[in-house]
Amino acid sequence: MRDLTAVGRKLSKAIRSCRDLHTFKLLFGGVAPTYEHEGLMRRMSIRTLVDIGANRGQFSLMARMCWPECRIFAFEPLARAADKFEKTFRGDALVTLTRCAVGERCSEAMLHVSGKDD
């Protein structure tokens, strides 16, 4: 049953991503906006967003759709995810990605990554 629910969520995101050409293209690059946050996000007005653990940019992409003038500061330590994030936001002068983790203090640590990086 859980697999069926996950498939339904993915299908719903794919259908919603077909609304405009930009998000449709990103879908084939492996990035879809976090539509599950859209209702709440559209009720807010945010000018600056800090996306810690930005992954491929799913949340930042939804933020960009809800708040086109929002300044986004994103942090992502995983190279593959950060590469996709950069590709997603290429040419967006209001987005800055820093390729590192964020923590309480400056240090080095082992990062454990699950099989599903998102």
N, C-alpha and C. Protein backbone atom coordinates (compact mmCIF):
# COMPACT_ATOMS: atom_id res chain seq x y z
N MET A 1 0.82 -1.19 0.00
CA MET A 1 0.00 0.00 0.00
C MET A 1 0.86 1.26 0.00
N ARG A 2 1.96 1.24 0.78
CA ARG A 2 2.84 2.40 0.85
C ARG A 2 3.45 2.70 -0.52
N ASP A 3 3.82 1.65 -1.28
CA ASP A 3 4.39 1.84 -2.61
C ASP A 3 3.39 2.50 -3.54
N LEU A 4 2.13 2.12 -3.42
CA LEU A 4 1.08 2.69 -4.25
C LEU A 4 0.89 4.18 -3.93
N THR A 5 0.98 4.54 -2.66
CA THR A 5 0.87 5.94 -2.26
C THR A 5 2.03 6.75 -2.82
N ALA A 6 3.23 6.21 -2.77
CA ALA A 6 4.40 6.90 -3.31
C ALA A 6 4.27 7.09 -4.81
N VAL A 7 3.79 6.09 -5.50
CA VAL A 7 3.57 6.19 -6.95
C VAL A 7 2.54 7.27 -7.25
N GLY A 8 1.49 7.32 -6.46
CA GLY A 8 0.45 8.34 -6.63
C GLY A 8 1.00 9.74 -6.45
N ARG A 9 1.85 9.93 -5.42
CA ARG A 9 2.46 11.25 -5.19
C ARG A 9 3.36 11.64 -6.36
N LYS A 10 4.14 10.70 -6.85
CA LYS A 10 5.04 10.99 -7.98
C LYS A 10 4.24 11.32 -9.24
N LEU A 11 3.18 10.59 -9.48
CA LEU A 11 2.33 10.85 -10.64
C LEU A 11 1.68 12.23 -10.54
N SER A 12 1.21 12.57 -9.35
CA SER A 12 0.59 13.88 -9.12
C SER A 12 1.60 15.00 -9.38
N LYS A 13 2.83 14.84 -8.89
CA LYS A 13 3.87 15.85 -9.14
C LYS A 13 4.17 15.96 -10.63
N ALA A 14 4.24 14.84 -11.31
CA ALA A 14 4.52 14.86 -12.75
C ALA A 14 3.43 15.61 -13.51
N ILE A 15 2.18 15.35 -13.16
CA ILE A 15 1.07 16.02 -13.84
C ILE A 15 1.10 17.52 -13.56
N ARG A 16 1.33 17.90 -12.30
CA ARG A 16 1.38 19.33 -11.95
C ARG A 16 2.58 20.01 -12.60
N SER A 17 3.68 19.29 -12.77
CA SER A 17 4.88 19.87 -13.38
C SER A 17 4.69 20.14 -14.87
N CYS A 18 3.67 19.57 -15.45
CA CYS A 18 3.41 19.79 -16.88
C CYS A 18 2.71 21.13 -17.14
N ARG A 19 2.38 21.88 -16.08
CA ARG A 19 1.69 23.16 -16.23
C ARG A 19 2.47 24.18 -17.05
N ASP A 20 3.77 24.20 -16.88
CA ASP A 20 4.56 25.14 -17.67
C ASP A 20 5.83 24.47 -18.16
N LEU A 21 6.39 25.00 -19.21
CA LEU A 21 7.52 24.38 -19.90
C LEU A 21 8.74 24.25 -19.00
N HIS A 22 9.02 25.26 -18.18
CA HIS A 22 10.22 25.23 -17.33
C HIS A 22 10.18 24.05 -16.35
N THR A 23 9.10 23.91 -15.58
CA THR A 23 9.04 22.81 -14.62
C THR A 23 8.92 21.46 -15.33
N PHE A 24 8.32 21.44 -16.51
CA PHE A 24 8.23 20.20 -17.29
C PHE A 24 9.63 19.72 -17.68
N LYS A 25 10.49 20.64 -18.14
CA LYS A 25 11.87 20.28 -18.50
C LYS A 25 12.64 19.79 -17.28
N LEU A 26 12.45 20.46 -16.14
CA LEU A 26 13.17 20.08 -14.92
C LEU A 26 12.78 18.68 -14.45
N LEU A 27 11.54 18.31 -14.67
CA LEU A 27 11.05 16.99 -14.29
C LEU A 27 11.91 15.90 -14.93
N PHE A 28 12.28 16.10 -16.19
CA PHE A 28 13.11 15.10 -16.87
C PHE A 28 14.56 15.14 -16.39
N GLY A 29 14.95 16.22 -15.71
CA GLY A 29 16.27 16.30 -15.10
C GLY A 29 16.28 15.75 -13.69
N GLY A 30 15.13 15.26 -13.22
CA GLY A 30 15.07 14.66 -11.89
C GLY A 30 14.68 15.61 -10.78
N VAL A 31 14.11 16.78 -11.11
CA VAL A 31 13.72 17.74 -10.08
C VAL A 31 12.27 18.15 -10.29
N ALA A 32 11.47 18.04 -9.22
CA ALA A 32 10.08 18.51 -9.24
C ALA A 32 9.87 19.37 -8.01
N PRO A 33 9.10 20.45 -8.13
CA PRO A 33 8.84 21.30 -6.96
C PRO A 33 8.12 20.51 -5.87
N THR A 34 8.28 20.94 -4.63
CA THR A 34 7.59 20.31 -3.51
C THR A 34 6.17 20.86 -3.41
N TYR A 35 5.32 20.38 -4.30
CA TYR A 35 3.94 20.87 -4.37
C TYR A 35 3.19 20.69 -3.06
N GLU A 36 3.60 19.72 -2.24
CA GLU A 36 2.90 19.48 -0.99
C GLU A 36 2.98 20.67 -0.04
N HIS A 37 3.92 21.59 -0.28
CA HIS A 37 4.05 22.80 0.56
C HIS A 37 3.38 24.02 -0.07
N GLU A 38 2.88 23.89 -1.28
CA GLU A 38 2.41 25.05 -2.04
C GLU A 38 1.29 25.83 -1.33
N GLY A 39 0.30 25.15 -0.79
CA GLY A 39 -0.82 25.84 -0.16
C GLY A 39 -0.37 26.79 0.94
N LEU A 40 0.48 26.30 1.82
CA LEU A 40 1.00 27.12 2.91
C LEU A 40 1.90 28.23 2.38
N MET A 41 2.77 27.88 1.46
CA MET A 41 3.73 28.86 0.95
C MET A 41 3.05 30.02 0.23
N ARG A 42 2.00 29.76 -0.50
CA ARG A 42 1.30 30.83 -1.23
C ARG A 42 0.58 31.80 -0.30
N ARG A 43 0.37 31.40 0.96
CA ARG A 43 -0.26 32.30 1.93
C ARG A 43 0.75 33.23 2.59
N MET A 44 2.03 33.03 2.31
CA MET A 44 3.10 33.83 2.91
C MET A 44 3.72 34.75 1.87
N SER A 45 4.46 35.71 2.37
CA SER A 45 5.25 36.57 1.50
C SER A 45 6.67 36.58 2.06
N ILE A 46 7.56 35.90 1.38
CA ILE A 46 8.93 35.73 1.86
C ILE A 46 9.88 36.44 0.90
N ARG A 47 10.81 37.20 1.46
CA ARG A 47 11.79 37.91 0.62
C ARG A 47 13.16 37.25 0.64
N THR A 48 13.46 36.49 1.70
CA THR A 48 14.74 35.78 1.80
C THR A 48 14.49 34.39 2.35
N LEU A 49 15.07 33.38 1.70
CA LEU A 49 14.92 31.99 2.12
C LEU A 49 16.30 31.38 2.30
N VAL A 50 16.49 30.64 3.38
CA VAL A 50 17.71 29.86 3.61
C VAL A 50 17.29 28.40 3.54
N ASP A 51 17.78 27.70 2.53
CA ASP A 51 17.43 26.29 2.29
C ASP A 51 18.62 25.43 2.69
N ILE A 52 18.57 24.89 3.90
CA ILE A 52 19.68 24.06 4.41
C ILE A 52 19.36 22.60 4.11
N GLY A 53 20.28 21.96 3.42
CA GLY A 53 20.02 20.60 2.92
C GLY A 53 19.16 20.70 1.68
N ALA A 54 19.57 21.55 0.77
CA ALA A 54 18.77 21.91 -0.41
C ALA A 54 18.56 20.77 -1.39
N ASN A 55 19.38 19.74 -1.30
CA ASN A 55 19.28 18.59 -2.19
C ASN A 55 19.31 19.06 -3.64
N ARG A 56 18.39 18.61 -4.47
CA ARG A 56 18.39 18.98 -5.89
C ARG A 56 17.65 20.29 -6.16
N GLY A 57 17.06 20.88 -5.11
CA GLY A 57 16.39 22.16 -5.26
C GLY A 57 14.88 22.09 -5.28
N GLN A 58 14.31 20.98 -4.81
CA GLN A 58 12.86 20.81 -4.85
C GLN A 58 12.13 21.92 -4.07
N PHE A 59 12.57 22.20 -2.85
CA PHE A 59 11.91 23.22 -2.03
C PHE A 59 12.21 24.62 -2.57
N SER A 60 13.46 24.86 -2.94
CA SER A 60 13.81 26.17 -3.50
C SER A 60 13.04 26.44 -4.79
N LEU A 61 12.80 25.42 -5.58
CA LEU A 61 12.04 25.57 -6.82
C LEU A 61 10.59 25.98 -6.51
N MET A 62 9.99 25.36 -5.51
CA MET A 62 8.63 25.76 -5.12
C MET A 62 8.64 27.19 -4.59
N ALA A 63 9.67 27.53 -3.83
CA ALA A 63 9.80 28.90 -3.32
C ALA A 63 9.89 29.89 -4.47
N ARG A 64 10.67 29.55 -5.48
CA ARG A 64 10.81 30.45 -6.64
C ARG A 64 9.46 30.62 -7.34
N MET A 65 8.69 29.56 -7.43
CA MET A 65 7.37 29.63 -8.08
C MET A 65 6.40 30.49 -7.26
N CYS A 66 6.48 30.41 -5.92
CA CYS A 66 5.58 31.18 -5.05
C CYS A 66 6.03 32.61 -4.87
N TRP A 67 7.34 32.81 -4.81
CA TRP A 67 7.90 34.14 -4.52
C TRP A 67 8.99 34.45 -5.55
N PRO A 68 8.61 34.92 -6.72
CA PRO A 68 9.57 35.14 -7.82
C PRO A 68 10.72 36.10 -7.49
N GLU A 69 10.52 37.00 -6.55
CA GLU A 69 11.57 37.97 -6.20
C GLU A 69 12.35 37.57 -4.95
N CYS A 70 12.11 36.41 -4.42
CA CYS A 70 12.77 35.94 -3.19
C CYS A 70 14.25 35.67 -3.43
N ARG A 71 15.09 36.10 -2.50
CA ARG A 71 16.52 35.80 -2.53
C ARG A 71 16.70 34.46 -1.82
N ILE A 72 17.37 33.51 -2.48
CA ILE A 72 17.53 32.16 -1.92
C ILE A 72 19.01 31.87 -1.66
N PHE A 73 19.32 31.50 -0.42
CA PHE A 73 20.65 31.04 -0.02
C PHE A 73 20.52 29.55 0.30
N ALA A 74 21.14 28.71 -0.51
CA ALA A 74 21.00 27.27 -0.36
C ALA A 74 22.33 26.63 0.02
N PHE A 75 22.24 25.56 0.80
CA PHE A 75 23.42 24.81 1.26
C PHE A 75 23.19 23.34 0.99
N GLU A 76 24.13 22.71 0.28
CA GLU A 76 24.03 21.28 -0.04
C GLU A 76 25.42 20.68 -0.14
N PRO A 77 25.75 19.70 0.73
CA PRO A 77 27.09 19.10 0.71
C PRO A 77 27.30 17.98 -0.31
N LEU A 78 26.24 17.35 -0.78
CA LEU A 78 26.39 16.21 -1.69
C LEU A 78 26.59 16.69 -3.13
N ALA A 79 27.68 16.27 -3.74
CA ALA A 79 28.07 16.77 -5.06
C ALA A 79 27.02 16.53 -6.13
N ARG A 80 26.49 15.33 -6.22
CA ARG A 80 25.52 15.02 -7.28
C ARG A 80 24.25 15.87 -7.13
N ALA A 81 23.76 15.98 -5.90
CA ALA A 81 22.56 16.80 -5.66
C ALA A 81 22.86 18.27 -5.93
N ALA A 82 24.02 18.75 -5.49
CA ALA A 82 24.40 20.15 -5.72
C ALA A 82 24.54 20.45 -7.21
N ASP A 83 25.07 19.50 -7.97
CA ASP A 83 25.18 19.68 -9.43
C ASP A 83 23.79 19.89 -10.05
N LYS A 84 22.82 19.08 -9.62
CA LYS A 84 21.46 19.22 -10.15
C LYS A 84 20.84 20.55 -9.71
N PHE A 85 21.10 20.94 -8.46
CA PHE A 85 20.60 22.22 -7.97
C PHE A 85 21.13 23.35 -8.86
N GLU A 86 22.42 23.34 -9.10
CA GLU A 86 23.02 24.40 -9.94
C GLU A 86 22.43 24.41 -11.34
N LYS A 87 22.21 23.24 -11.90
CA LYS A 87 21.61 23.16 -13.24
C LYS A 87 20.18 23.71 -13.22
N THR A 88 19.44 23.39 -12.17
CA THR A 88 18.06 23.86 -12.05
C THR A 88 17.98 25.38 -11.99
N PHE A 89 18.91 26.00 -11.27
CA PHE A 89 18.86 27.44 -11.04
C PHE A 89 19.88 28.23 -11.86
N ARG A 90 20.45 27.59 -12.86
CA ARG A 90 21.42 28.28 -13.72
C ARG A 90 20.77 29.54 -14.29
N GLY A 91 21.46 30.66 -14.14
CA GLY A 91 20.97 31.92 -14.68
C GLY A 91 20.07 32.70 -13.74
N ASP A 92 19.74 32.14 -12.58
CA ASP A 92 18.90 32.83 -11.59
C ASP A 92 19.82 33.59 -10.64
N ALA A 93 19.93 34.89 -10.83
CA ALA A 93 20.85 35.72 -10.05
C ALA A 93 20.44 35.85 -8.58
N LEU A 94 19.22 35.46 -8.24
CA LEU A 94 18.75 35.58 -6.87
C LEU A 94 19.00 34.32 -6.04
N VAL A 95 19.69 33.35 -6.64
CA VAL A 95 19.96 32.08 -5.94
C VAL A 95 21.47 31.89 -5.78
N THR A 96 21.88 31.60 -4.55
CA THR A 96 23.28 31.31 -4.26
C THR A 96 23.35 29.94 -3.59
N LEU A 97 24.15 29.04 -4.16
CA LEU A 97 24.36 27.72 -3.58
C LEU A 97 25.75 27.64 -2.98
N THR A 98 25.83 27.19 -1.73
CA THR A 98 27.11 26.92 -1.08
C THR A 98 27.18 25.42 -0.87
N ARG A 99 28.25 24.82 -1.37
CA ARG A 99 28.40 23.36 -1.32
C ARG A 99 29.04 22.93 0.00
N CYS A 100 28.25 22.95 1.04
CA CYS A 100 28.72 22.49 2.35
C CYS A 100 27.50 22.17 3.21
N ALA A 101 27.77 21.45 4.30
CA ALA A 101 26.73 21.20 5.29
C ALA A 101 26.72 22.38 6.26
N VAL A 102 25.66 22.51 7.02
CA VAL A 102 25.55 23.58 8.00
C VAL A 102 25.44 22.94 9.37
N GLY A 103 26.24 23.46 10.30
CA GLY A 103 26.22 22.90 11.65
C GLY A 103 26.50 23.96 12.68
N GLU A 104 26.57 23.51 13.90
CA GLU A 104 26.75 24.40 15.04
C GLU A 104 28.12 25.10 15.02
N ARG A 105 29.13 24.40 14.52
CA ARG A 105 30.48 24.98 14.49
C ARG A 105 31.22 24.47 13.27
N CYS A 106 32.29 25.13 12.94
CA CYS A 106 33.12 24.74 11.80
C CYS A 106 33.88 23.47 12.17
N SER A 107 33.66 22.41 11.41
CA SER A 107 34.34 21.14 11.68
C SER A 107 34.17 20.23 10.47
N GLU A 108 34.80 19.10 10.55
CA GLU A 108 34.61 18.06 9.54
C GLU A 108 33.93 16.88 10.22
N ALA A 109 33.05 16.22 9.48
CA ALA A 109 32.34 15.07 10.04
C ALA A 109 31.99 14.12 8.92
N MET A 110 31.74 12.88 9.29
CA MET A 110 31.29 11.88 8.34
C MET A 110 29.81 12.12 8.05
N LEU A 111 29.45 12.11 6.78
CA LEU A 111 28.06 12.30 6.40
C LEU A 111 27.53 10.95 5.92
N HIS A 112 26.52 10.45 6.57
CA HIS A 112 25.92 9.17 6.20
C HIS A 112 24.78 9.46 5.22
N VAL A 113 24.81 8.85 4.05
CA VAL A 113 23.82 9.11 3.01
C VAL A 113 22.98 7.85 2.80
N SER A 114 21.66 8.02 2.82
CA SER A 114 20.79 6.87 2.61
C SER A 114 20.75 6.52 1.11
N GLY A 115 20.13 5.42 0.79
CA GLY A 115 20.01 4.99 -0.60
C GLY A 115 19.21 5.97 -1.43
N LYS A 116 18.26 6.67 -0.81
CA LYS A 116 17.48 7.70 -1.49
C LYS A 116 17.96 9.04 -0.94
N ASP A 117 18.65 9.79 -1.76
CA ASP A 117 19.28 11.01 -1.26
C ASP A 117 18.33 12.15 -0.96
N ASP A 118 17.07 12.06 -1.40
CA ASP A 118 16.15 13.15 -1.10
C ASP A 118 15.37 12.89 0.17
